C-alpha cells in the first residue's frame, strides 16, 4: 500500500474513544432525568449505575457532589482473558477537577465495589487501553492496574496504545 493511501485511510479512522464524552452524557442524564443509582456497599460515598450498553452489561461508578459528577468510571464486559471475565474500563474527571487523584480513586473504588458485588464468582480482569499520548491516563492505569504494560495498536482507531490488565479476586 502506498504511503498516500495509508494516510488517507488513517485520516478517516475514528480516534480512540474518550470516556470524557460518556461522563458528559451521564452528567446530562443525571441533571435531566431519573437515573437509578445504588449507594456503594464498600464505600458509601460512591454510587453505581448498573445498565446495559449496546447489549453489554456495564457498571458505572461515580463520586458526586449533589448532582455534579466529580469522577466517573465505567466497566463493560469485554469477553474473557486467560479464562476469566474481562471488563474494559474507561475513566474520566471533569477538566476543572483534574490533577487531584480523583481518577485513581474512582477506578480503585469501582474495582473494590465489584470485588464485593461479585462475591462467590470467579476472579475477573480489568483492562484499560490508553492512548500513548494520554500521559495522565497512563499514570492512572499504571498506579491502579500496574503490571506489565503491553504496547498495542487500538483496534478501533489504529492508534498506538498501551494496555494494562490486572486480575482481581472476588470475596468468598
C-alpha atoms as a PDB file:
ATOM      1  CA  UNK A   1       0.000   0.000   0.000  1.00  0.00           C
ATOM      2  CA  UNK A   2       1.389   3.404  -0.874  1.00  0.00           C
ATOM      3  CA  UNK A   3       2.062   5.910   1.882  1.00  0.00           C
ATOM      4  CA  UNK A   4      -0.563   8.263   0.434  1.00  0.00           C
ATOM      5  CA  UNK A   5      -3.266   5.584   0.502  1.00  0.00           C
ATOM      6  CA  UNK A   6      -2.348   4.705   4.101  1.00  0.00           C
ATOM      7  CA  UNK A   7      -2.510   8.371   5.137  1.00  0.00           C
ATOM      8  CA  UNK A   8      -5.958   8.741   3.590  1.00  0.00           C
ATOM      9  CA  UNK A   9      -7.243   5.691   5.473  1.00  0.00           C
ATOM     10  CA  UNK A  10      -5.721   6.937   8.722  1.00  0.00           C
ATOM     11  CA  UNK A  11      -7.390  10.323   8.292  1.00  0.00           C
ATOM     12  CA  UNK A  12     -10.831   8.690   8.145  1.00  0.00           C
ATOM     13  CA  UNK A  13     -10.340   6.343  11.092  1.00  0.00           C
ATOM     14  CA  UNK A  14     -12.086   7.397  14.291  1.00  0.00           C
ATOM     15  CA  UNK A  15      -9.907   8.391  17.237  1.00  0.00           C
ATOM     16  CA  UNK A  16      -9.722   6.380  20.412  1.00  0.00           C
ATOM     17  CA  UNK A  17     -12.848   6.584  22.499  1.00  0.00           C
ATOM     18  CA  UNK A  18     -12.763   9.291  25.156  1.00  0.00           C
ATOM     19  CA  UNK A  19     -14.538   8.458  28.432  1.00  0.00           C
ATOM     20  CA  UNK A  20     -14.988  12.201  28.969  1.00  0.00           C
ATOM     21  CA  UNK A  21     -17.782  12.012  26.373  1.00  0.00           C
ATOM     22  CA  UNK A  22     -19.532   9.318  28.440  1.00  0.00           C
ATOM     23  CA  UNK A  23     -19.048  11.384  31.608  1.00  0.00           C
ATOM     24  CA  UNK A  24     -20.785  14.353  29.932  1.00  0.00           C
ATOM     25  CA  UNK A  25     -23.693  12.169  28.752  1.00  0.00           C
ATOM     26  CA  UNK A  26     -24.040  10.690  32.238  1.00  0.00           C
ATOM     27  CA  UNK A  27     -23.910  14.170  33.813  1.00  0.00           C
ATOM     28  CA  UNK A  28     -26.662  15.412  31.471  1.00  0.00           C
ATOM     29  CA  UNK A  29     -28.825  12.367  32.228  1.00  0.00           C
ATOM     30  CA  UNK A  30     -28.331  12.885  35.953  1.00  0.00           C
ATOM     31  CA  UNK A  31     -29.494  16.505  35.670  1.00  0.00           C
ATOM     32  CA  UNK A  32     -32.430  15.992  33.300  1.00  0.00           C
ATOM     33  CA  UNK A  33     -33.988  12.706  34.225  1.00  0.00           C
ATOM     34  CA  UNK A  34     -34.170   9.960  36.717  1.00  0.00           C
ATOM     35  CA  UNK A  35     -31.007   7.886  36.808  1.00  0.00           C
ATOM     36  CA  UNK A  36     -31.135   4.907  39.117  1.00  0.00           C
ATOM     37  CA  UNK A  37     -28.154   4.927  41.442  1.00  0.00           C
ATOM     38  CA  UNK A  38     -27.179   2.451  44.126  1.00  0.00           C
ATOM     39  CA  UNK A  39     -25.046   3.572  47.044  1.00  0.00           C
ATOM     40  CA  UNK A  40     -21.760   1.700  47.339  1.00  0.00           C
ATOM     41  CA  UNK A  41     -21.549  -1.098  49.848  1.00  0.00           C
ATOM     42  CA  UNK A  42     -17.800  -0.901  50.416  1.00  0.00           C
ATOM     43  CA  UNK A  43     -17.660   2.886  50.069  1.00  0.00           C
ATOM     44  CA  UNK A  44     -20.990   4.627  50.815  1.00  0.00           C
ATOM     45  CA  UNK A  45     -19.753   7.809  49.083  1.00  0.00           C
ATOM     46  CA  UNK A  46     -19.657   6.115  45.680  1.00  0.00           C
ATOM     47  CA  UNK A  47     -22.692   5.421  43.500  1.00  0.00           C
ATOM     48  CA  UNK A  48     -23.237   2.668  40.952  1.00  0.00           C
ATOM     49  CA  UNK A  49     -25.462   2.700  37.893  1.00  0.00           C
ATOM     50  CA  UNK A  50     -25.705  -0.859  36.502  1.00  0.00           C
ATOM     51  CA  UNK A  51     -27.038  -0.873  32.951  1.00  0.00           C
ATOM     52  CA  UNK A  52     -26.805  -2.497  29.551  1.00  0.00           C
ATOM     53  CA  UNK A  53     -24.829  -0.620  26.936  1.00  0.00           C
ATOM     54  CA  UNK A  54     -25.390  -1.957  23.423  1.00  0.00           C
ATOM     55  CA  UNK A  55     -26.449  -5.326  24.922  1.00  0.00           C
ATOM     56  CA  UNK A  56     -23.290  -5.468  27.065  1.00  0.00           C
ATOM     57  CA  UNK A  57     -23.529  -5.365  30.872  1.00  0.00           C
ATOM     58  CA  UNK A  58     -21.918  -2.207  32.227  1.00  0.00           C
ATOM     59  CA  UNK A  59     -21.304  -0.817  35.683  1.00  0.00           C
ATOM     60  CA  UNK A  60     -20.780   2.923  36.002  1.00  0.00           C
ATOM     61  CA  UNK A  61     -19.385   4.293  39.250  1.00  0.00           C
ATOM     62  CA  UNK A  62     -19.388   7.965  40.190  1.00  0.00           C
ATOM     63  CA  UNK A  63     -18.472  10.253  43.012  1.00  0.00           C
ATOM     64  CA  UNK A  64     -20.942  13.085  43.325  1.00  0.00           C
ATOM     65  CA  UNK A  65     -21.349  16.446  44.942  1.00  0.00           C
ATOM     66  CA  UNK A  66     -25.101  16.882  44.861  1.00  0.00           C
ATOM     67  CA  UNK A  67     -25.890  16.124  41.224  1.00  0.00           C
ATOM     68  CA  UNK A  68     -22.441  17.054  39.940  1.00  0.00           C
ATOM     69  CA  UNK A  69     -20.145  14.234  38.831  1.00  0.00           C
ATOM     70  CA  UNK A  70     -16.694  14.609  40.402  1.00  0.00           C
ATOM     71  CA  UNK A  71     -15.242  11.374  38.988  1.00  0.00           C
ATOM     72  CA  UNK A  72     -16.529   8.676  36.631  1.00  0.00           C
ATOM     73  CA  UNK A  73     -15.520   5.108  35.757  1.00  0.00           C
ATOM     74  CA  UNK A  74     -17.447   2.704  33.593  1.00  0.00           C
ATOM     75  CA  UNK A  75     -16.704  -1.004  33.289  1.00  0.00           C
ATOM     76  CA  UNK A  76     -18.068  -3.036  30.361  1.00  0.00           C
ATOM     77  CA  UNK A  77     -17.919  -6.782  29.943  1.00  0.00           C
ATOM     78  CA  UNK A  78     -15.440  -7.418  27.129  1.00  0.00           C
ATOM     79  CA  UNK A  79     -15.179 -11.168  26.639  1.00  0.00           C
ATOM     80  CA  UNK A  80     -12.686 -13.222  28.588  1.00  0.00           C
ATOM     81  CA  UNK A  81      -8.970 -13.020  29.240  1.00  0.00           C
ATOM     82  CA  UNK A  82      -6.966 -16.017  30.493  1.00  0.00           C
ATOM     83  CA  UNK A  83     -10.276 -17.827  31.036  1.00  0.00           C
ATOM     84  CA  UNK A  84     -11.781 -15.131  33.277  1.00  0.00           C
ATOM     85  CA  UNK A  85     -14.361 -12.419  32.603  1.00  0.00           C
ATOM     86  CA  UNK A  86     -12.678  -9.283  31.260  1.00  0.00           C
ATOM     87  CA  UNK A  87     -14.013  -5.803  31.988  1.00  0.00           C
ATOM     88  CA  UNK A  88     -12.827  -2.899  29.836  1.00  0.00           C
ATOM     89  CA  UNK A  89     -12.705   0.323  31.823  1.00  0.00           C
ATOM     90  CA  UNK A  90     -12.890   3.968  30.903  1.00  0.00           C
ATOM     91  CA  UNK A  91     -12.495   6.717  33.475  1.00  0.00           C
ATOM     92  CA  UNK A  92     -12.760  10.484  33.430  1.00  0.00           C
ATOM     93  CA  UNK A  93     -12.794  13.530  35.650  1.00  0.00           C
ATOM     94  CA  UNK A  94     -14.227  16.926  34.672  1.00  0.00           C
ATOM     95  CA  UNK A  95     -11.402  19.099  33.370  1.00  0.00           C
ATOM     96  CA  UNK A  96     -11.603  21.657  36.202  1.00  0.00           C
ATOM     97  CA  UNK A  97     -11.159  18.889  38.813  1.00  0.00           C
ATOM     98  CA  UNK A  98      -8.209  17.012  37.324  1.00  0.00           C
ATOM     99  CA  UNK A  99      -4.802  16.521  38.942  1.00  0.00           C
ATOM    100  CA  UNK A 100      -6.137  15.672  42.404  1.00  0.00           C
ATOM    101  CA  UNK A 101      -6.086  11.850  42.279  1.00  0.00           C
ATOM    102  CA  UNK A 102      -9.813  11.551  41.554  1.00  0.00           C
ATOM    103  CA  UNK A 103      -9.359   9.203  38.567  1.00  0.00           C
ATOM    104  CA  UNK A 104      -7.189   6.809  40.590  1.00  0.00           C
ATOM    105  CA  UNK A 105      -9.721   6.964  43.409  1.00  0.00           C
ATOM    106  CA  UNK A 106     -12.807   6.209  41.286  1.00  0.00           C
ATOM    107  CA  UNK A 107     -11.042   3.390  39.437  1.00  0.00           C
ATOM    108  CA  UNK A 108      -9.883   1.735  42.674  1.00  0.00           C
ATOM    109  CA  UNK A 109     -13.257   2.297  44.376  1.00  0.00           C
ATOM    110  CA  UNK A 110     -15.181   0.804  41.431  1.00  0.00           C
ATOM    111  CA  UNK A 111     -12.965  -2.273  41.451  1.00  0.00           C
ATOM    112  CA  UNK A 112     -13.430  -2.710  45.213  1.00  0.00           C
ATOM    113  CA  UNK A 113     -17.218  -2.495  44.781  1.00  0.00           C
ATOM    114  CA  UNK A 114     -17.152  -5.128  42.025  1.00  0.00           C
ATOM    115  CA  UNK A 115     -14.936  -7.442  44.084  1.00  0.00           C
ATOM    116  CA  UNK A 116     -17.550  -7.238  46.816  1.00  0.00           C
ATOM    117  CA  UNK A 117     -20.549  -7.418  44.481  1.00  0.00           C
ATOM    118  CA  UNK A 118     -19.202 -10.386  42.509  1.00  0.00           C
ATOM    119  CA  UNK A 119     -18.639 -12.318  45.739  1.00  0.00           C
ATOM    120  CA  UNK A 120     -18.615 -16.046  45.093  1.00  0.00           C
ATOM    121  CA  UNK A 121     -17.953 -15.638  41.363  1.00  0.00           C
ATOM    122  CA  UNK A 122     -14.656 -16.374  39.612  1.00  0.00           C
ATOM    123  CA  UNK A 123     -11.923 -13.747  39.521  1.00  0.00           C
ATOM    124  CA  UNK A 124     -12.133 -11.098  36.810  1.00  0.00           C
ATOM    125  CA  UNK A 125      -9.742  -8.916  34.854  1.00  0.00           C
ATOM    126  CA  UNK A 126      -9.930  -5.168  34.432  1.00  0.00           C
ATOM    127  CA  UNK A 127      -8.222  -3.762  31.370  1.00  0.00           C
ATOM    128  CA  UNK A 128      -7.520  -0.195  30.345  1.00  0.00           C
ATOM    129  CA  UNK A 129      -6.445   0.575  26.780  1.00  0.00           C
ATOM    130  CA  UNK A 130      -4.956   4.061  26.785  1.00  0.00           C
ATOM    131  CA  UNK A 131      -3.559   6.211  24.002  1.00  0.00           C
ATOM    132  CA  UNK A 132       0.220   6.598  24.211  1.00  0.00           C
ATOM    133  CA  UNK A 133      -0.427  10.363  24.056  1.00  0.00           C
ATOM    134  CA  UNK A 134      -2.598  10.417  27.191  1.00  0.00           C
ATOM    135  CA  UNK A 135       0.107  10.659  29.845  1.00  0.00           C
ATOM    136  CA  UNK A 136      -2.251  11.409  32.743  1.00  0.00           C
ATOM    137  CA  UNK A 137      -4.464   8.391  31.986  1.00  0.00           C
ATOM    138  CA  UNK A 138      -1.413   6.159  31.570  1.00  0.00           C
ATOM    139  CA  UNK A 139      -0.299   7.150  35.080  1.00  0.00           C
ATOM    140  CA  UNK A 140      -3.739   6.269  36.470  1.00  0.00           C
ATOM    141  CA  UNK A 141      -3.782   2.843  34.799  1.00  0.00           C
ATOM    142  CA  UNK A 142      -0.230   2.112  35.915  1.00  0.00           C
ATOM    143  CA  UNK A 143      -0.956   3.141  39.514  1.00  0.00           C
ATOM    144  CA  UNK A 144      -4.191   1.159  39.900  1.00  0.00           C
ATOM    145  CA  UNK A 145      -3.773  -1.758  37.489  1.00  0.00           C
ATOM    146  CA  UNK A 146       0.025  -1.921  37.410  1.00  0.00           C
ATOM    147  CA  UNK A 147       1.696  -4.969  35.982  1.00  0.00           C
ATOM    148  CA  UNK A 148       3.263  -5.327  32.568  1.00  0.00           C
ATOM    149  CA  UNK A 149       2.152  -2.674  30.135  1.00  0.00           C
ATOM    150  CA  UNK A 150       1.557  -4.085  26.668  1.00  0.00           C
ATOM    151  CA  UNK A 151       2.118  -1.792  23.687  1.00  0.00           C
ATOM    152  CA  UNK A 152      -0.637  -2.376  21.130  1.00  0.00           C
ATOM    153  CA  UNK A 153      -2.491  -0.711  18.301  1.00  0.00           C
ATOM    154  CA  UNK A 154      -6.016   0.272  19.351  1.00  0.00           C
ATOM    155  CA  UNK A 155      -8.436  -1.970  17.441  1.00  0.00           C
ATOM    156  CA  UNK A 156     -10.931   0.855  16.782  1.00  0.00           C
ATOM    157  CA  UNK A 157      -8.671   3.762  15.857  1.00  0.00           C
ATOM    158  CA  UNK A 158      -5.422   2.096  14.846  1.00  0.00           C
ATOM    159  CA  UNK A 159      -3.571   4.490  17.179  1.00  0.00           C
ATOM    160  CA  UNK A 160      -0.604   3.339  19.269  1.00  0.00           C
ATOM    161  CA  UNK A 161      -1.873   2.478  22.729  1.00  0.00           C
ATOM    162  CA  UNK A 162      -0.884   0.803  25.955  1.00  0.00           C
ATOM    163  CA  UNK A 163      -2.929  -1.992  27.508  1.00  0.00           C
ATOM    164  CA  UNK A 164      -2.918  -2.605  31.233  1.00  0.00           C
ATOM    165  CA  UNK A 165      -4.728  -5.654  32.610  1.00  0.00           C
ATOM    166  CA  UNK A 166      -4.917  -6.968  36.141  1.00  0.00           C
ATOM    167  CA  UNK A 167      -6.683  -9.925  37.674  1.00  0.00           C
ATOM    168  CA  UNK A 168      -8.861  -9.296  40.732  1.00  0.00           C
ATOM    169  CA  UNK A 169     -10.081 -11.948  43.121  1.00  0.00           C
ATOM    170  CA  UNK A 170     -13.620 -11.754  44.462  1.00  0.00           C
ATOM    171  CA  UNK A 171     -14.538 -12.082  48.080  1.00  0.00           C
ATOM    172  CA  UNK A 172     -15.551 -15.533  49.301  1.00  0.00           C
END
